[in-house]
Amino acid sequence: MRMATKLRVRSASALLLLLLLAGVAAAGHGQDRRQEPQKHYGLLFGTAYGPDDLPLYGARVEIHPAGKGRPNWELISDHRGEFAQRVPPGPADYLVTGQAEMVDAQTHKKKRLKGEARIHLDGEERQDFSLHLN
């Protein structure tokens, strides 16, 4: 019986040590996640407006760095006319173009609206702007 009791004590001690080590490892893992470097970015936040100066839903918006022809990001404005895009941080200029179609209430013909805005970012910041489509 004595041998069986010693075996139980050793097994319980080993299990307790294993649980203790697992707890320490989990606590250390949680600290590592909090210390991960944050991702850095700038934010372009715009609102598209129509010719009546009301927010415009469904406007197609293209954003690209100034001097480059191809758009890097294509967005659609939401029901409040808003759109947002994360961009790399740092000093940079961006060209934001938008277009939409709407039906003229008087002539009942489709009208194509276009607009553009130039935005400058200095670093990791949020730049709010409006995009007027005429």
N, C-alpha and C. Protein backbone atom coordinates (compact mmCIF):
# COMPACT_ATOMS: atom_id res chain seq x y z
N MET A 1 0.81 -1.19 0.00
CA MET A 1 0.00 0.00 0.00
C MET A 1 0.86 1.25 0.00
N ARG A 2 1.96 1.13 0.68
CA ARG A 2 2.83 2.28 0.75
C ARG A 2 3.31 2.71 -0.61
N MET A 3 3.60 1.76 -1.45
CA MET A 3 4.08 2.04 -2.81
C MET A 3 3.00 2.72 -3.63
N ALA A 4 1.77 2.29 -3.48
CA ALA A 4 0.65 2.88 -4.22
C ALA A 4 0.41 4.31 -3.76
N THR A 5 0.57 4.59 -2.47
CA THR A 5 0.37 5.94 -1.94
C THR A 5 1.45 6.87 -2.47
N LYS A 6 2.69 6.42 -2.50
CA LYS A 6 3.78 7.23 -3.03
C LYS A 6 3.55 7.54 -4.52
N LEU A 7 3.07 6.55 -5.23
CA LEU A 7 2.80 6.73 -6.66
C LEU A 7 1.71 7.77 -6.88
N ARG A 8 0.66 7.74 -6.06
CA ARG A 8 -0.43 8.72 -6.17
C ARG A 8 0.08 10.13 -5.85
N VAL A 9 0.91 10.26 -4.83
CA VAL A 9 1.44 11.57 -4.44
C VAL A 9 2.33 12.12 -5.55
N ARG A 10 3.17 11.26 -6.12
CA ARG A 10 4.03 11.71 -7.21
C ARG A 10 3.21 12.10 -8.44
N SER A 11 2.19 11.33 -8.76
CA SER A 11 1.33 11.64 -9.91
C SER A 11 0.60 12.96 -9.68
N ALA A 12 0.08 13.15 -8.48
CA ALA A 12 -0.62 14.40 -8.17
C ALA A 12 0.34 15.58 -8.23
N SER A 13 1.57 15.39 -7.74
CA SER A 13 2.57 16.47 -7.78
C SER A 13 2.95 16.81 -9.21
N ALA A 14 3.12 15.78 -10.03
CA ALA A 14 3.46 16.01 -11.43
C ALA A 14 2.33 16.74 -12.16
N LEU A 15 1.10 16.35 -11.87
CA LEU A 15 -0.06 17.00 -12.49
C LEU A 15 -0.16 18.46 -12.05
N LEU A 16 0.06 18.72 -10.78
CA LEU A 16 0.02 20.08 -10.26
C LEU A 16 1.12 20.94 -10.90
N LEU A 17 2.32 20.38 -11.05
CA LEU A 17 3.41 21.09 -11.68
C LEU A 17 3.10 21.39 -13.14
N LEU A 18 2.51 20.44 -13.83
CA LEU A 18 2.14 20.64 -15.23
C LEU A 18 1.10 21.75 -15.38
N LEU A 19 0.09 21.76 -14.51
CA LEU A 19 -0.92 22.81 -14.55
C LEU A 19 -0.33 24.17 -14.23
N LEU A 20 0.59 24.22 -13.30
CA LEU A 20 1.25 25.47 -12.93
C LEU A 20 2.06 26.01 -14.11
N LEU A 21 2.81 25.14 -14.77
CA LEU A 21 3.59 25.56 -15.94
C LEU A 21 2.69 26.03 -17.09
N ALA A 22 1.57 25.35 -17.29
CA ALA A 22 0.63 25.76 -18.35
C ALA A 22 0.05 27.13 -18.04
N GLY A 23 -0.26 27.40 -16.77
CA GLY A 23 -0.78 28.71 -16.38
C GLY A 23 0.23 29.82 -16.59
N VAL A 24 1.50 29.56 -16.26
CA VAL A 24 2.56 30.55 -16.46
C VAL A 24 2.76 30.81 -17.95
N ALA A 25 2.73 29.77 -18.74
CA ALA A 25 2.91 29.94 -20.19
C ALA A 25 1.75 30.74 -20.78
N ALA A 26 0.53 30.49 -20.34
CA ALA A 26 -0.63 31.23 -20.85
C ALA A 26 -0.55 32.69 -20.45
N ALA A 27 -0.13 32.96 -19.24
CA ALA A 27 0.00 34.35 -18.78
C ALA A 27 1.07 35.08 -19.58
N GLY A 28 2.17 34.42 -19.86
CA GLY A 28 3.23 35.02 -20.66
C GLY A 28 2.80 35.26 -22.09
N HIS A 29 1.98 34.37 -22.63
CA HIS A 29 1.49 34.52 -23.99
C HIS A 29 0.58 35.73 -24.11
N GLY A 30 -0.23 35.99 -23.11
CA GLY A 30 -1.13 37.14 -23.13
C GLY A 30 -0.36 38.45 -23.12
N GLN A 31 0.76 38.50 -22.43
CA GLN A 31 1.56 39.72 -22.39
C GLN A 31 2.20 39.98 -23.74
N ASP A 32 2.60 38.94 -24.45
CA ASP A 32 3.22 39.12 -25.75
C ASP A 32 2.25 39.77 -26.73
N ARG A 33 0.99 39.39 -26.68
CA ARG A 33 0.02 39.96 -27.61
C ARG A 33 -0.17 41.45 -27.37
N ARG A 34 -0.16 41.87 -26.12
CA ARG A 34 -0.35 43.28 -25.82
C ARG A 34 0.85 44.11 -26.26
N GLN A 35 2.01 43.49 -26.38
CA GLN A 35 3.20 44.23 -26.72
C GLN A 35 3.51 44.20 -28.22
N GLU A 36 2.62 43.59 -29.02
CA GLU A 36 2.84 43.57 -30.46
C GLU A 36 2.80 44.99 -31.00
N PRO A 37 3.61 45.29 -31.98
CA PRO A 37 3.58 46.64 -32.54
C PRO A 37 2.25 46.89 -33.25
N GLN A 38 1.73 48.08 -33.07
CA GLN A 38 0.48 48.43 -33.73
C GLN A 38 0.77 48.74 -35.19
N LYS A 39 -0.22 48.47 -36.03
CA LYS A 39 -0.07 48.80 -37.44
C LYS A 39 -0.34 50.29 -37.60
N HIS A 40 0.48 50.95 -38.35
CA HIS A 40 0.38 52.39 -38.53
C HIS A 40 -0.27 52.68 -39.88
N TYR A 41 -1.14 53.67 -39.90
CA TYR A 41 -1.83 54.04 -41.13
C TYR A 41 -2.42 55.44 -41.00
N GLY A 42 -2.71 56.03 -42.14
CA GLY A 42 -3.48 57.27 -42.20
C GLY A 42 -4.89 56.90 -42.64
N LEU A 43 -5.85 57.78 -42.41
CA LEU A 43 -7.23 57.49 -42.76
C LEU A 43 -7.82 58.64 -43.57
N LEU A 44 -8.32 58.31 -44.75
CA LEU A 44 -9.06 59.28 -45.55
C LEU A 44 -10.54 59.02 -45.32
N PHE A 45 -11.25 60.01 -44.78
CA PHE A 45 -12.67 59.86 -44.48
C PHE A 45 -13.42 60.96 -45.21
N GLY A 46 -14.25 60.57 -46.18
CA GLY A 46 -14.93 61.56 -47.00
C GLY A 46 -16.43 61.37 -47.03
N THR A 47 -17.11 62.43 -47.46
CA THR A 47 -18.55 62.41 -47.68
C THR A 47 -18.81 62.93 -49.08
N ALA A 48 -19.57 62.18 -49.87
CA ALA A 48 -19.92 62.58 -51.23
C ALA A 48 -21.24 63.36 -51.18
N TYR A 49 -21.25 64.51 -51.87
CA TYR A 49 -22.43 65.35 -51.95
C TYR A 49 -22.84 65.52 -53.39
N GLY A 50 -24.14 65.57 -53.64
CA GLY A 50 -24.69 65.79 -54.97
C GLY A 50 -24.84 67.27 -55.26
N PRO A 51 -25.41 67.62 -56.42
CA PRO A 51 -25.56 69.03 -56.79
C PRO A 51 -26.52 69.79 -55.87
N ASP A 52 -27.38 69.09 -55.15
CA ASP A 52 -28.30 69.74 -54.22
C ASP A 52 -27.69 69.86 -52.82
N ASP A 53 -26.40 69.57 -52.68
CA ASP A 53 -25.66 69.61 -51.42
C ASP A 53 -26.21 68.67 -50.36
N LEU A 54 -26.83 67.58 -50.78
CA LEU A 54 -27.26 66.52 -49.87
C LEU A 54 -26.32 65.33 -50.04
N PRO A 55 -26.10 64.55 -48.97
CA PRO A 55 -25.23 63.37 -49.10
C PRO A 55 -25.72 62.44 -50.20
N LEU A 56 -24.78 61.87 -50.93
CA LEU A 56 -25.10 61.07 -52.12
C LEU A 56 -24.76 59.61 -51.87
N TYR A 57 -25.78 58.75 -51.92
CA TYR A 57 -25.62 57.31 -51.73
C TYR A 57 -25.20 56.66 -53.05
N GLY A 58 -24.28 55.71 -52.98
CA GLY A 58 -23.91 54.91 -54.14
C GLY A 58 -22.92 55.56 -55.09
N ALA A 59 -22.25 56.61 -54.67
CA ALA A 59 -21.24 57.23 -55.53
C ALA A 59 -20.02 56.32 -55.59
N ARG A 60 -19.48 56.12 -56.78
CA ARG A 60 -18.27 55.32 -56.96
C ARG A 60 -17.07 56.22 -56.74
N VAL A 61 -16.21 55.85 -55.80
CA VAL A 61 -15.07 56.67 -55.42
C VAL A 61 -13.78 55.89 -55.69
N GLU A 62 -12.83 56.57 -56.32
CA GLU A 62 -11.51 55.98 -56.58
C GLU A 62 -10.46 56.85 -55.90
N ILE A 63 -9.50 56.21 -55.24
CA ILE A 63 -8.43 56.91 -54.54
C ILE A 63 -7.09 56.37 -55.03
N HIS A 64 -6.19 57.29 -55.38
CA HIS A 64 -4.84 56.86 -55.73
C HIS A 64 -3.84 57.96 -55.37
N PRO A 65 -2.59 57.58 -55.14
CA PRO A 65 -1.58 58.59 -54.85
C PRO A 65 -1.43 59.54 -56.03
N ALA A 66 -1.24 60.82 -55.73
CA ALA A 66 -1.07 61.82 -56.79
C ALA A 66 0.15 61.44 -57.64
N GLY A 67 0.01 61.57 -58.92
CA GLY A 67 1.09 61.24 -59.84
C GLY A 67 1.01 59.83 -60.39
N LYS A 68 0.13 59.00 -59.86
CA LYS A 68 -0.07 57.65 -60.39
C LYS A 68 -1.43 57.59 -61.04
N GLY A 69 -1.51 56.94 -62.19
CA GLY A 69 -2.75 56.94 -62.95
C GLY A 69 -3.78 55.92 -62.52
N ARG A 70 -3.32 54.78 -62.06
CA ARG A 70 -4.25 53.70 -61.73
C ARG A 70 -4.77 53.85 -60.30
N PRO A 71 -6.06 53.69 -60.08
CA PRO A 71 -6.56 53.80 -58.70
C PRO A 71 -6.12 52.60 -57.86
N ASN A 72 -5.73 52.88 -56.63
CA ASN A 72 -5.35 51.81 -55.71
C ASN A 72 -6.55 51.27 -54.95
N TRP A 73 -7.54 52.13 -54.71
CA TRP A 73 -8.71 51.73 -53.93
C TRP A 73 -9.97 52.22 -54.63
N GLU A 74 -10.98 51.36 -54.66
CA GLU A 74 -12.29 51.71 -55.22
C GLU A 74 -13.33 51.47 -54.13
N LEU A 75 -14.16 52.48 -53.88
CA LEU A 75 -15.15 52.43 -52.81
C LEU A 75 -16.50 52.87 -53.32
N ILE A 76 -17.53 52.64 -52.53
CA ILE A 76 -18.89 53.13 -52.81
C ILE A 76 -19.38 53.83 -51.55
N SER A 77 -19.96 55.00 -51.71
CA SER A 77 -20.44 55.74 -50.54
C SER A 77 -21.69 55.06 -49.97
N ASP A 78 -21.83 55.16 -48.64
CA ASP A 78 -22.95 54.51 -47.96
C ASP A 78 -24.19 55.43 -47.97
N HIS A 79 -25.20 55.07 -47.18
CA HIS A 79 -26.46 55.82 -47.17
C HIS A 79 -26.30 57.24 -46.63
N ARG A 80 -25.23 57.50 -45.91
CA ARG A 80 -24.97 58.85 -45.43
C ARG A 80 -24.00 59.58 -46.36
N GLY A 81 -23.64 58.94 -47.48
CA GLY A 81 -22.70 59.53 -48.42
C GLY A 81 -21.26 59.37 -48.00
N GLU A 82 -21.00 58.59 -46.96
CA GLU A 82 -19.66 58.49 -46.39
C GLU A 82 -18.86 57.31 -46.94
N PHE A 83 -17.56 57.47 -46.94
CA PHE A 83 -16.64 56.41 -47.32
C PHE A 83 -15.33 56.64 -46.57
N ALA A 84 -14.56 55.59 -46.36
CA ALA A 84 -13.29 55.71 -45.64
C ALA A 84 -12.30 54.70 -46.19
N GLN A 85 -11.02 55.08 -46.15
CA GLN A 85 -9.97 54.17 -46.63
C GLN A 85 -8.70 54.39 -45.82
N ARG A 86 -8.12 53.28 -45.34
CA ARG A 86 -6.81 53.34 -44.69
C ARG A 86 -5.75 53.43 -45.77
N VAL A 87 -4.76 54.28 -45.54
CA VAL A 87 -3.65 54.46 -46.49
C VAL A 87 -2.34 54.40 -45.71
N PRO A 88 -1.23 54.16 -46.38
CA PRO A 88 0.05 54.13 -45.68
C PRO A 88 0.34 55.48 -45.01
N PRO A 89 1.01 55.46 -43.85
CA PRO A 89 1.31 56.72 -43.16
C PRO A 89 2.41 57.48 -43.88
N GLY A 90 2.57 58.70 -43.48
CA GLY A 90 3.67 59.48 -44.03
C GLY A 90 3.15 60.60 -44.89
N PRO A 91 4.01 61.54 -45.19
CA PRO A 91 3.57 62.64 -46.04
C PRO A 91 3.26 62.13 -47.45
N ALA A 92 2.05 62.38 -47.89
CA ALA A 92 1.64 61.94 -49.23
C ALA A 92 0.44 62.75 -49.68
N ASP A 93 0.30 62.86 -50.99
CA ASP A 93 -0.86 63.51 -51.60
C ASP A 93 -1.68 62.45 -52.31
N TYR A 94 -3.00 62.57 -52.21
CA TYR A 94 -3.91 61.62 -52.83
C TYR A 94 -4.93 62.36 -53.69
N LEU A 95 -5.29 61.73 -54.78
CA LEU A 95 -6.34 62.25 -55.65
C LEU A 95 -7.56 61.36 -55.47
N VAL A 96 -8.67 61.96 -55.09
CA VAL A 96 -9.93 61.24 -54.86
C VAL A 96 -10.90 61.70 -55.93
N THR A 97 -11.37 60.77 -56.74
CA THR A 97 -12.36 61.10 -57.78
C THR A 97 -13.63 60.32 -57.52
N GLY A 98 -14.74 60.92 -57.87
CA GLY A 98 -16.02 60.27 -57.66
C GLY A 98 -16.93 60.48 -58.85
N GLN A 99 -17.83 59.54 -59.06
CA GLN A 99 -18.84 59.68 -60.11
C GLN A 99 -20.10 58.95 -59.70
N ALA A 100 -21.21 59.45 -60.19
CA ALA A 100 -22.50 58.86 -59.88
C ALA A 100 -23.48 59.20 -60.98
N GLU A 101 -24.55 58.45 -61.06
CA GLU A 101 -25.64 58.74 -61.99
C GLU A 101 -26.88 59.02 -61.18
N MET A 102 -27.62 60.03 -61.60
CA MET A 102 -28.90 60.30 -60.96
C MET A 102 -29.89 60.77 -62.01
N VAL A 103 -31.15 60.57 -61.73
CA VAL A 103 -32.20 60.97 -62.67
C VAL A 103 -32.63 62.38 -62.31
N ASP A 104 -32.61 63.27 -63.33
CA ASP A 104 -33.05 64.65 -63.13
C ASP A 104 -34.57 64.66 -62.94
N ALA A 105 -35.04 65.28 -61.88
CA ALA A 105 -36.47 65.26 -61.55
C ALA A 105 -37.30 66.00 -62.59
N GLN A 106 -36.75 67.01 -63.25
CA GLN A 106 -37.53 67.79 -64.21
C GLN A 106 -37.57 67.15 -65.60
N THR A 107 -36.43 66.69 -66.08
CA THR A 107 -36.38 66.15 -67.44
C THR A 107 -36.49 64.63 -67.48
N HIS A 108 -36.36 63.97 -66.33
CA HIS A 108 -36.40 62.50 -66.21
C HIS A 108 -35.33 61.83 -67.05
N LYS A 109 -34.21 62.52 -67.23
CA LYS A 109 -33.07 61.95 -67.94
C LYS A 109 -31.96 61.66 -66.94
N LYS A 110 -31.15 60.63 -67.29
CA LYS A 110 -30.01 60.32 -66.43
C LYS A 110 -28.96 61.42 -66.55
N LYS A 111 -28.42 61.76 -65.43
CA LYS A 111 -27.40 62.79 -65.38
C LYS A 111 -26.16 62.19 -64.74
N ARG A 112 -25.01 62.34 -65.39
CA ARG A 112 -23.76 61.80 -64.88
C ARG A 112 -23.04 62.89 -64.09
N LEU A 113 -22.74 62.59 -62.83
CA LEU A 113 -22.07 63.54 -61.95
C LEU A 113 -20.63 63.12 -61.73
N LYS A 114 -19.73 64.12 -61.67
CA LYS A 114 -18.31 63.84 -61.44
C LYS A 114 -17.75 64.89 -60.50
N GLY A 115 -16.73 64.50 -59.77
CA GLY A 115 -16.04 65.43 -58.88
C GLY A 115 -14.70 64.88 -58.48
N GLU A 116 -13.85 65.77 -57.96
CA GLU A 116 -12.52 65.34 -57.56
C GLU A 116 -12.03 66.21 -56.41
N ALA A 117 -11.17 65.64 -55.58
CA ALA A 117 -10.56 66.36 -54.46
C ALA A 117 -9.13 65.89 -54.30
N ARG A 118 -8.26 66.82 -53.92
CA ARG A 118 -6.87 66.49 -53.64
C ARG A 118 -6.68 66.59 -52.12
N ILE A 119 -6.12 65.53 -51.55
CA ILE A 119 -5.97 65.43 -50.11
C ILE A 119 -4.50 65.25 -49.77
N HIS A 120 -4.03 65.95 -48.72
CA HIS A 120 -2.65 65.81 -48.26
C HIS A 120 -2.66 65.22 -46.85
N LEU A 121 -1.85 64.19 -46.64
CA LEU A 121 -1.65 63.60 -45.31
C LEU A 121 -0.22 63.88 -44.88
N ASP A 122 -0.07 64.28 -43.61
CA ASP A 122 1.28 64.52 -43.08
C ASP A 122 1.86 63.30 -42.39
N GLY A 123 1.02 62.42 -41.89
CA GLY A 123 1.51 61.24 -41.17
C GLY A 123 0.37 60.32 -40.82
N GLU A 124 0.41 59.79 -39.60
CA GLU A 124 -0.64 58.91 -39.11
C GLU A 124 -1.78 59.78 -38.59
N GLU A 125 -2.65 60.16 -39.46
CA GLU A 125 -3.74 61.05 -39.08
C GLU A 125 -5.00 60.69 -39.85
N ARG A 126 -6.11 61.25 -39.39
CA ARG A 126 -7.38 61.12 -40.09
C ARG A 126 -7.65 62.43 -40.79
N GLN A 127 -7.91 62.37 -42.08
CA GLN A 127 -8.22 63.57 -42.85
C GLN A 127 -9.66 63.50 -43.31
N ASP A 128 -10.51 64.38 -42.79
CA ASP A 128 -11.90 64.45 -43.20
C ASP A 128 -12.04 65.44 -44.35
N PHE A 129 -12.84 65.08 -45.34
CA PHE A 129 -13.03 65.98 -46.50
C PHE A 129 -14.38 65.69 -47.14
N SER A 130 -14.79 66.61 -48.01
CA SER A 130 -16.04 66.39 -48.74
C SER A 130 -15.74 66.35 -50.23
N LEU A 131 -16.50 65.55 -50.94
CA LEU A 131 -16.35 65.37 -52.37
C LEU A 131 -17.65 65.80 -53.03
N HIS A 132 -17.63 66.94 -53.71
CA HIS A 132 -18.84 67.48 -54.34
C HIS A 132 -18.92 67.04 -55.79
N LEU A 133 -19.99 66.35 -56.13
CA LEU A 133 -20.20 65.85 -57.49
C LEU A 133 -21.22 66.76 -58.19
N ASN A 134 -20.83 67.30 -59.33
CA ASN A 134 -21.71 68.16 -60.14
C ASN A 134 -21.88 67.59 -61.52
